[in-house]
Amino acid sequence: MATVRLLNLKRKLKRDDKLFNVYKETVNGYIEKGYVSSLDTTEGFKLNQTWYLPHHPLLNPKKPDKVR
């Protein structure tokens, strides 16, 4: 299910350049603020168990240039 959602998000971002750029800026902002980080494969890694961070762009019509 996570893989299908990721592929759908990828298709959506490929179709909409503006959404892609805003989404990319938002995710990069999360990385800069320390909300998100890469996981070292030796840190907290268990065999046969994979965790996916659910994410998708949330848009507010009153704030068209902001994505959460």
Protein backbone atom coordinates (compact mmCIF):
# COMPACT_ATOMS: atom_id res chain seq x y z
CA MET A 1 0.00 0.00 0.00
CA ALA A 2 2.85 2.39 0.85
CA THR A 3 4.51 1.70 -2.48
CA VAL A 4 1.32 2.45 -4.41
CA ARG A 5 0.86 5.72 -2.53
CA LEU A 6 4.46 6.69 -3.26
CA LEU A 7 4.00 5.98 -6.97
CA ASN A 8 0.78 8.02 -7.01
CA LEU A 9 2.54 10.93 -5.30
CA LYS A 10 5.40 10.68 -7.80
CA ARG A 11 2.94 10.83 -10.72
CA LYS A 12 1.13 13.79 -9.19
CA LEU A 13 4.36 15.72 -8.62
CA LYS A 14 5.55 14.99 -12.17
CA ARG A 15 2.35 16.49 -13.58
CA ASP A 16 2.43 19.67 -11.48
CA ASP A 17 5.76 21.55 -11.45
CA LYS A 18 4.51 24.23 -9.06
CA LEU A 19 3.32 21.65 -6.52
CA PHE A 20 6.62 19.77 -6.89
CA ASN A 21 8.68 22.89 -6.12
CA VAL A 22 6.55 23.90 -3.12
CA TYR A 23 6.56 20.31 -1.82
CA LYS A 24 10.35 20.07 -2.24
CA GLU A 25 10.87 23.38 -0.39
CA THR A 26 8.61 22.20 2.44
CA VAL A 27 10.43 18.88 2.86
CA ASN A 28 13.83 20.63 2.70
CA GLY A 29 12.60 23.03 5.38
CA TYR A 30 11.67 20.06 7.59
CA ILE A 31 15.18 18.66 7.11
CA GLU A 32 16.81 22.02 7.95
CA LYS A 33 14.69 22.38 11.10
CA GLY A 34 15.58 18.84 12.19
CA TYR A 35 12.01 17.51 12.01
CA VAL A 36 13.14 14.87 9.49
CA SER A 37 16.46 13.10 9.14
CA SER A 38 17.98 10.21 7.26
CA LEU A 39 18.24 6.99 9.17
CA ASP A 40 21.58 5.25 9.32
CA THR A 41 21.06 1.60 8.37
CA THR A 42 22.74 0.45 11.60
CA GLU A 43 20.65 2.75 13.77
CA GLY A 44 17.29 1.27 14.76
CA PHE A 45 17.30 -1.18 11.88
CA LYS A 46 15.59 -4.56 12.23
CA LEU A 47 15.57 -7.25 9.58
CA ASN A 48 12.28 -7.91 7.82
CA GLN A 49 10.77 -4.72 9.22
CA THR A 50 10.46 -1.53 7.20
CA TRP A 51 8.86 1.71 8.35
CA TYR A 52 7.52 4.29 5.95
CA LEU A 53 6.87 7.89 6.85
CA PRO A 54 3.40 8.66 5.51
CA HIS A 55 3.38 11.97 3.74
CA HIS A 56 1.36 13.74 1.13
CA PRO A 57 0.89 17.40 0.30
CA LEU A 58 -1.98 19.13 2.08
CA LEU A 59 -3.20 22.21 0.29
CA ASN A 60 -5.38 25.02 1.61
CA PRO A 61 -7.24 27.02 -1.06
CA LYS A 62 -6.88 30.16 1.07
CA LYS A 63 -3.08 29.69 1.22
CA PRO A 64 -2.14 28.55 -2.30
CA ASP A 65 1.63 28.91 -1.84
CA LYS A 66 1.82 26.83 1.34
CA VAL A 67 2.01 23.04 1.62
CA ARG A 68 1.94 21.05 4.85
